[in-house]
Amino acid sequence: MNTGDLSSITKRSIMPSEPPQRPDLAQELIRRAAEAGERWPSLTRGLLCAEDVDRGRLTDQADAGLVHRIITDHGWPGWSLVGEQGATAAWLIALRADHHISFQRHAARMMHQAVRAGEASMLQWVHLHDRCLIHAGAGQEYGTQYCPGPHGPERLPVHSPQALDERRARVGLPPAAVSLEALRRRRVSAPPPGSAVEIPDNESAGELVGAA
């Protein structure tokens, strides 16, 4: 995937102020992402039984199917179509589609087109891009994906790590060490499963890989 001049794209990606064209799709995406968000903290900590893991996997596949249908009919569900929260929900569903890799890659390609059109968040896309690279067995580009380790989250392999912070700065991410420490602090103070869950912001949404 050719990322092109990401810094200029980041600067011109400004959300529209008009109401979304499809509030019905926005509401459905937000509902599904929020429901999955109540399960994923337990999943990434290994707190779910095998039956719950399998049930959740089926739910994630169904959610991915919804986003796939939206992409087929409308292209990536961007800000104009479903608003900021709806677009974030679609991204989270794609990010969690770890057992539907072909869809995840297709979603990343379509989301990248939306970023270039000023219809999606660059910071969100880099998480999905990194996730696809990890599943392809390649080093991630921006260092947004982690796995559980003995002392908390650990960053998964990165290609050309000496240039990681430079690449992160180009898309508006803080230095890698700062993000890792912040993630570890959030994990220590995370709310218990079943508590209220908000759709996370761009930098805090890199969910742990390999927990399922």
C-alpha atoms as a PDB file:
ATOM      1  CA  MET A   1       0.000   0.000   0.000  1.00  0.00           C
ATOM      2  CA  ASN A   2       1.510   3.316  -1.056  1.00  0.00           C
ATOM      3  CA  THR A   3       1.166   5.738   1.832  1.00  0.00           C
ATOM      4  CA  GLY A   4       2.313   8.767  -0.141  1.00  0.00           C
ATOM      5  CA  ASP A   5       2.805  12.151   1.541  1.00  0.00           C
ATOM      6  CA  LEU A   6       0.963  11.454   4.766  1.00  0.00           C
ATOM      7  CA  SER A   7       1.793  14.736   6.464  1.00  0.00           C
ATOM      8  CA  SER A   8      -0.143  16.812   3.917  1.00  0.00           C
ATOM      9  CA  ILE A   9      -3.088  14.391   4.055  1.00  0.00           C
ATOM     10  CA  THR A  10      -3.176  14.624   7.857  1.00  0.00           C
ATOM     11  CA  LYS A  11      -3.374  18.405   7.716  1.00  0.00           C
ATOM     12  CA  ARG A  12      -6.286  18.503   5.271  1.00  0.00           C
ATOM     13  CA  SER A  13      -8.383  15.751   6.922  1.00  0.00           C
ATOM     14  CA  ILE A  14     -11.045  17.892   8.590  1.00  0.00           C
ATOM     15  CA  MET A  15     -14.403  16.465   9.570  1.00  0.00           C
ATOM     16  CA  PRO A  16     -17.480  18.034   7.912  1.00  0.00           C
ATOM     17  CA  SER A  17     -19.903  19.943  10.121  1.00  0.00           C
ATOM     18  CA  GLU A  18     -23.063  18.711   8.355  1.00  0.00           C
ATOM     19  CA  PRO A  19     -25.192  15.874   9.788  1.00  0.00           C
ATOM     20  CA  PRO A  20     -24.279  12.408   8.432  1.00  0.00           C
ATOM     21  CA  GLN A  21     -26.035  11.304   5.274  1.00  0.00           C
ATOM     22  CA  ARG A  22     -26.948   7.925   6.806  1.00  0.00           C
ATOM     23  CA  PRO A  23     -27.674   8.312  10.524  1.00  0.00           C
ATOM     24  CA  ASP A  24     -29.285   4.860  10.511  1.00  0.00           C
ATOM     25  CA  LEU A  25     -26.009   3.232   9.501  1.00  0.00           C
ATOM     26  CA  ALA A  26     -24.145   5.401  12.003  1.00  0.00           C
ATOM     27  CA  GLN A  27     -26.353   4.273  14.866  1.00  0.00           C
ATOM     28  CA  GLU A  28     -25.984   0.596  13.931  1.00  0.00           C
ATOM     29  CA  LEU A  29     -22.193   0.855  13.670  1.00  0.00           C
ATOM     30  CA  ILE A  30     -21.932   2.676  16.995  1.00  0.00           C
ATOM     31  CA  ARG A  31     -24.172   0.150  18.729  1.00  0.00           C
ATOM     32  CA  ARG A  32     -22.203  -2.830  17.452  1.00  0.00           C
ATOM     33  CA  ALA A  33     -18.809  -1.329  18.226  1.00  0.00           C
ATOM     34  CA  ALA A  34     -19.902  -0.390  21.750  1.00  0.00           C
ATOM     35  CA  GLU A  35     -21.218  -3.891  22.433  1.00  0.00           C
ATOM     36  CA  ALA A  36     -17.970  -5.432  21.208  1.00  0.00           C
ATOM     37  CA  GLY A  37     -16.043  -2.901  23.284  1.00  0.00           C
ATOM     38  CA  GLU A  38     -17.565  -4.329  26.446  1.00  0.00           C
ATOM     39  CA  ARG A  39     -16.102  -7.751  25.565  1.00  0.00           C
ATOM     40  CA  TRP A  40     -12.697  -6.880  24.139  1.00  0.00           C
ATOM     41  CA  PRO A  41     -10.987  -5.768  27.400  1.00  0.00           C
ATOM     42  CA  SER A  42     -11.725  -9.213  28.875  1.00  0.00           C
ATOM     43  CA  LEU A  43     -10.635 -10.906  25.654  1.00  0.00           C
ATOM     44  CA  THR A  44      -7.259  -9.142  25.518  1.00  0.00           C
ATOM     45  CA  ARG A  45      -6.622 -10.079  29.149  1.00  0.00           C
ATOM     46  CA  GLY A  46      -7.467 -13.745  28.567  1.00  0.00           C
ATOM     47  CA  LEU A  47     -10.461 -13.625  30.919  1.00  0.00           C
ATOM     48  CA  LEU A  48     -13.013 -15.241  28.603  1.00  0.00           C
ATOM     49  CA  CYS A  49     -13.782 -18.955  28.466  1.00  0.00           C
ATOM     50  CA  ALA A  50     -13.471 -20.776  25.133  1.00  0.00           C
ATOM     51  CA  GLU A  51     -17.225 -20.665  24.572  1.00  0.00           C
ATOM     52  CA  ASP A  52     -17.338 -16.893  25.059  1.00  0.00           C
ATOM     53  CA  VAL A  53     -14.318 -16.447  22.771  1.00  0.00           C
ATOM     54  CA  ASP A  54     -16.051 -18.438  20.013  1.00  0.00           C
ATOM     55  CA  ARG A  55     -19.308 -16.540  20.511  1.00  0.00           C
ATOM     56  CA  GLY A  56     -17.468 -13.239  20.343  1.00  0.00           C
ATOM     57  CA  ARG A  57     -15.653 -14.299  17.199  1.00  0.00           C
ATOM     58  CA  LEU A  58     -18.975 -14.941  15.486  1.00  0.00           C
ATOM     59  CA  THR A  59     -20.174 -11.500  16.574  1.00  0.00           C
ATOM     60  CA  ASP A  60     -17.011  -9.875  15.213  1.00  0.00           C
ATOM     61  CA  GLN A  61     -17.526 -11.669  11.901  1.00  0.00           C
ATOM     62  CA  ALA A  62     -21.128 -10.466  11.707  1.00  0.00           C
ATOM     63  CA  ASP A  63     -20.012  -6.910  12.470  1.00  0.00           C
ATOM     64  CA  ALA A  64     -17.339  -7.154   9.771  1.00  0.00           C
ATOM     65  CA  GLY A  65     -20.036  -8.330   7.374  1.00  0.00           C
ATOM     66  CA  LEU A  66     -22.004  -5.156   8.028  1.00  0.00           C
ATOM     67  CA  VAL A  67     -19.003  -2.931   7.314  1.00  0.00           C
ATOM     68  CA  HIS A  68     -18.228  -4.970   4.191  1.00  0.00           C
ATOM     69  CA  ARG A  69     -21.763  -4.398   2.894  1.00  0.00           C
ATOM     70  CA  ILE A  70     -21.492  -0.678   3.573  1.00  0.00           C
ATOM     71  CA  ILE A  71     -18.164  -0.558   1.709  1.00  0.00           C
ATOM     72  CA  THR A  72     -19.730  -2.397  -1.235  1.00  0.00           C
ATOM     73  CA  ASP A  73     -22.673   0.018  -1.388  1.00  0.00           C
ATOM     74  CA  HIS A  74     -21.017   3.311  -0.427  1.00  0.00           C
ATOM     75  CA  GLY A  75     -17.260   2.942  -0.149  1.00  0.00           C
ATOM     76  CA  TRP A  76     -15.559   3.329   3.211  1.00  0.00           C
ATOM     77  CA  PRO A  77     -18.098   4.673   5.771  1.00  0.00           C
ATOM     78  CA  GLY A  78     -16.486   8.052   6.209  1.00  0.00           C
ATOM     79  CA  TRP A  79     -17.386  11.245   8.023  1.00  0.00           C
ATOM     80  CA  SER A  80     -19.893  12.511   5.461  1.00  0.00           C
ATOM     81  CA  LEU A  81     -21.789   9.225   5.358  1.00  0.00           C
ATOM     82  CA  VAL A  82     -21.903   8.226   9.049  1.00  0.00           C
ATOM     83  CA  GLY A  83     -20.350  11.079  11.026  1.00  0.00           C
ATOM     84  CA  GLU A  84     -17.313  11.023  13.310  1.00  0.00           C
ATOM     85  CA  GLN A  85     -18.611   8.425  15.773  1.00  0.00           C
ATOM     86  CA  GLY A  86     -19.987   6.158  13.068  1.00  0.00           C
ATOM     87  CA  ALA A  87     -16.689   6.264  11.159  1.00  0.00           C
ATOM     88  CA  THR A  88     -14.753   5.510  14.345  1.00  0.00           C
ATOM     89  CA  ALA A  89     -17.071   2.576  15.046  1.00  0.00           C
ATOM     90  CA  ALA A  90     -16.513   1.174  11.535  1.00  0.00           C
ATOM     91  CA  TRP A  91     -12.763   1.442  12.037  1.00  0.00           C
ATOM     92  CA  LEU A  92     -12.935  -0.358  15.377  1.00  0.00           C
ATOM     93  CA  ILE A  93     -14.940  -3.175  13.815  1.00  0.00           C
ATOM     94  CA  ALA A  94     -12.309  -3.543  11.073  1.00  0.00           C
ATOM     95  CA  LEU A  95      -9.501  -3.373  13.636  1.00  0.00           C
ATOM     96  CA  ARG A  96     -11.072  -6.249  15.564  1.00  0.00           C
ATOM     97  CA  ALA A  97     -11.682  -8.441  12.516  1.00  0.00           C
ATOM     98  CA  ASP A  98      -8.591 -10.536  13.223  1.00  0.00           C
ATOM     99  CA  HIS A  99     -10.225 -13.742  11.980  1.00  0.00           C
ATOM    100  CA  HIS A 100     -11.323 -12.171   8.700  1.00  0.00           C
ATOM    101  CA  ILE A 101      -7.948 -11.059   7.347  1.00  0.00           C
ATOM    102  CA  SER A 102      -9.019 -10.565   3.721  1.00  0.00           C
ATOM    103  CA  PHE A 103     -11.763  -8.203   4.871  1.00  0.00           C
ATOM    104  CA  GLN A 104      -9.367  -6.386   7.201  1.00  0.00           C
ATOM    105  CA  ARG A 105      -6.927  -5.741   4.350  1.00  0.00           C
ATOM    106  CA  HIS A 106      -9.737  -4.611   2.046  1.00  0.00           C
ATOM    107  CA  ALA A 107     -11.012  -2.271   4.763  1.00  0.00           C
ATOM    108  CA  ALA A 108      -7.524  -0.806   5.195  1.00  0.00           C
ATOM    109  CA  ARG A 109      -7.233  -0.126   1.462  1.00  0.00           C
ATOM    110  CA  MET A 110     -10.661   1.506   1.316  1.00  0.00           C
ATOM    111  CA  MET A 111     -10.020   3.526   4.459  1.00  0.00           C
ATOM    112  CA  HIS A 112      -6.730   4.782   3.015  1.00  0.00           C
ATOM    113  CA  GLN A 113      -8.627   6.060  -0.023  1.00  0.00           C
ATOM    114  CA  ALA A 114     -11.044   7.804   2.343  1.00  0.00           C
ATOM    115  CA  VAL A 115      -8.135   9.389   4.226  1.00  0.00           C
ATOM    116  CA  ARG A 116      -6.748  10.758   0.967  1.00  0.00           C
ATOM    117  CA  ALA A 117     -10.212  12.141   0.169  1.00  0.00           C
ATOM    118  CA  GLY A 118     -10.427  13.869   3.556  1.00  0.00           C
ATOM    119  CA  GLU A 119     -13.146  11.486   4.771  1.00  0.00           C
ATOM    120  CA  ALA A 120     -11.346   9.463   7.464  1.00  0.00           C
ATOM    121  CA  SER A 121      -8.776   9.820  10.217  1.00  0.00           C
ATOM    122  CA  MET A 122      -5.133   9.269   9.350  1.00  0.00           C
ATOM    123  CA  LEU A 123      -4.342   8.370  12.970  1.00  0.00           C
ATOM    124  CA  GLN A 124      -7.003   5.689  12.955  1.00  0.00           C
ATOM    125  CA  TRP A 125      -5.873   4.318   9.613  1.00  0.00           C
ATOM    126  CA  VAL A 126      -2.273   3.830  10.774  1.00  0.00           C
ATOM    127  CA  HIS A 127      -3.526   1.464  13.514  1.00  0.00           C
ATOM    128  CA  LEU A 128      -5.410  -0.614  10.952  1.00  0.00           C
ATOM    129  CA  HIS A 129      -2.464  -0.526   8.528  1.00  0.00           C
ATOM    130  CA  ASP A 130      -0.117  -1.787  11.262  1.00  0.00           C
ATOM    131  CA  ARG A 131      -2.594  -4.489  12.229  1.00  0.00           C
ATOM    132  CA  CYS A 132      -2.676  -5.795   8.659  1.00  0.00           C
ATOM    133  CA  LEU A 133       1.128  -5.819   8.505  1.00  0.00           C
ATOM    134  CA  ILE A 134       1.296  -7.862  11.718  1.00  0.00           C
ATOM    135  CA  HIS A 135      -1.167 -10.415  10.383  1.00  0.00           C
ATOM    136  CA  ALA A 136       0.869 -10.614   7.166  1.00  0.00           C
ATOM    137  CA  GLY A 137       3.946 -11.530   9.224  1.00  0.00           C
ATOM    138  CA  ALA A 138       5.675  -8.217   8.490  1.00  0.00           C
ATOM    139  CA  GLY A 139       7.007  -5.596  10.855  1.00  0.00           C
ATOM    140  CA  GLN A 140       4.559  -2.807  11.550  1.00  0.00           C
ATOM    141  CA  GLU A 141       5.257   0.671  10.225  1.00  0.00           C
ATOM    142  CA  TYR A 142       4.059   2.944  13.029  1.00  0.00           C
ATOM    143  CA  GLY A 143       4.345   0.754  16.134  1.00  0.00           C
ATOM    144  CA  THR A 144       0.703   0.991  17.194  1.00  0.00           C
ATOM    145  CA  GLN A 145       0.085  -2.711  17.888  1.00  0.00           C
ATOM    146  CA  TYR A 146       1.031  -4.567  21.067  1.00  0.00           C
ATOM    147  CA  CYS A 147       0.868  -7.992  22.682  1.00  0.00           C
ATOM    148  CA  PRO A 148       0.613  -8.993  26.351  1.00  0.00           C
ATOM    149  CA  GLY A 149       3.965  -9.351  28.094  1.00  0.00           C
ATOM    150  CA  PRO A 150       5.183 -10.240  31.595  1.00  0.00           C
ATOM    151  CA  HIS A 151       5.420  -6.554  32.536  1.00  0.00           C
ATOM    152  CA  GLY A 152       2.392  -5.300  30.623  1.00  0.00           C
ATOM    153  CA  PRO A 153       1.843  -4.549  26.924  1.00  0.00           C
ATOM    154  CA  GLU A 154       4.855  -4.946  24.654  1.00  0.00           C
ATOM    155  CA  ARG A 155       5.153  -3.482  21.176  1.00  0.00           C
ATOM    156  CA  LEU A 156       5.074  -6.037  18.366  1.00  0.00           C
ATOM    157  CA  PRO A 157       7.975  -6.071  15.856  1.00  0.00           C
ATOM    158  CA  VAL A 158       8.577  -2.925  13.813  1.00  0.00           C
ATOM    159  CA  HIS A 159      10.521  -2.661  10.578  1.00  0.00           C
ATOM    160  CA  SER A 160      13.382  -0.123  10.538  1.00  0.00           C
ATOM    161  CA  PRO A 161      12.903   0.653  14.262  1.00  0.00           C
ATOM    162  CA  GLN A 162      15.595   3.340  14.170  1.00  0.00           C
ATOM    163  CA  ALA A 163      13.245   5.485  12.045  1.00  0.00           C
ATOM    164  CA  LEU A 164      10.056   4.647  13.971  1.00  0.00           C
ATOM    165  CA  ASP A 165       9.687   7.954  15.804  1.00  0.00           C
ATOM    166  CA  GLU A 166      10.297   9.860  12.574  1.00  0.00           C
ATOM    167  CA  ARG A 167       7.491   7.949  10.844  1.00  0.00           C
ATOM    168  CA  ARG A 168       5.198   8.426  13.841  1.00  0.00           C
ATOM    169  CA  ALA A 169       5.854  12.171  13.888  1.00  0.00           C
ATOM    170  CA  ARG A 170       4.852  12.450  10.216  1.00  0.00           C
ATOM    171  CA  VAL A 171       1.338  11.201  11.040  1.00  0.00           C
ATOM    172  CA  GLY A 172       0.954  13.062  14.329  1.00  0.00           C
ATOM    173  CA  LEU A 173       1.774  10.265  16.793  1.00  0.00           C
ATOM    174  CA  PRO A 174       3.953  10.878  19.872  1.00  0.00           C
ATOM    175  CA  PRO A 175       7.293   9.079  20.356  1.00  0.00           C
ATOM    176  CA  ALA A 176       6.965   5.314  20.663  1.00  0.00           C
ATOM    177  CA  ALA A 177       8.313   5.144  24.215  1.00  0.00           C
ATOM    178  CA  VAL A 178       5.811   7.756  25.397  1.00  0.00           C
ATOM    179  CA  SER A 179       2.889   5.836  23.915  1.00  0.00           C
ATOM    180  CA  LEU A 180       4.037   2.509  25.375  1.00  0.00           C
ATOM    181  CA  GLU A 181       4.327   3.961  28.872  1.00  0.00           C
ATOM    182  CA  ALA A 182       0.911   5.626  28.555  1.00  0.00           C
ATOM    183  CA  LEU A 183      -0.650   2.333  27.418  1.00  0.00           C
ATOM    184  CA  ARG A 184       0.872   0.475  30.365  1.00  0.00           C
ATOM    185  CA  ARG A 185      -0.516   3.055  32.766  1.00  0.00           C
ATOM    186  CA  ARG A 186      -3.969   2.749  31.191  1.00  0.00           C
ATOM    187  CA  ARG A 187      -3.841  -1.037  31.512  1.00  0.00           C
ATOM    188  CA  VAL A 188      -3.073  -0.773  35.229  1.00  0.00           C
ATOM    189  CA  SER A 189      -5.955   1.630  35.832  1.00  0.00           C
ATOM    190  CA  ALA A 190      -8.389   0.063  33.331  1.00  0.00           C
ATOM    191  CA  PRO A 191     -12.036  -0.167  34.470  1.00  0.00           C
ATOM    192  CA  PRO A 192     -13.326  -3.635  35.368  1.00  0.00           C
ATOM    193  CA  PRO A 193     -15.169  -5.677  32.717  1.00  0.00           C
ATOM    194  CA  GLY A 194     -18.815  -4.688  32.443  1.00  0.00           C
ATOM    195  CA  SER A 195     -18.292  -1.018  33.297  1.00  0.00           C
ATOM    196  CA  ALA A 196     -19.309   1.738  30.921  1.00  0.00           C
ATOM    197  CA  VAL A 197     -17.209   1.759  27.754  1.00  0.00           C
ATOM    198  CA  GLU A 198     -16.667   4.705  25.424  1.00  0.00           C
ATOM    199  CA  ILE A 199     -15.412   4.483  21.880  1.00  0.00           C
ATOM    200  CA  PRO A 200     -11.716   5.267  22.469  1.00  0.00           C
ATOM    201  CA  ASP A 201      -9.711   8.068  20.935  1.00  0.00           C
ATOM    202  CA  ASN A 202      -7.171   7.557  18.158  1.00  0.00           C
ATOM    203  CA  GLU A 203      -4.044   6.851  20.159  1.00  0.00           C
ATOM    204  CA  SER A 204      -5.592   4.707  22.897  1.00  0.00           C
ATOM    205  CA  ALA A 205      -7.371   2.348  20.553  1.00  0.00           C
ATOM    206  CA  GLY A 206      -4.477   0.126  19.518  1.00  0.00           C
ATOM    207  CA  GLU A 207      -5.872  -3.070  20.993  1.00  0.00           C
ATOM    208  CA  LEU A 208      -3.667  -6.013  21.894  1.00  0.00           C
ATOM    209  CA  VAL A 209      -3.028  -8.540  19.146  1.00  0.00           C
ATOM    210  CA  GLY A 210      -2.898 -12.259  19.696  1.00  0.00           C
ATOM    211  CA  ALA A 211      -5.142 -12.474  22.739  1.00  0.00           C
ATOM    212  CA  ALA A 212      -7.870 -14.492  21.040  1.00  0.00           C
END
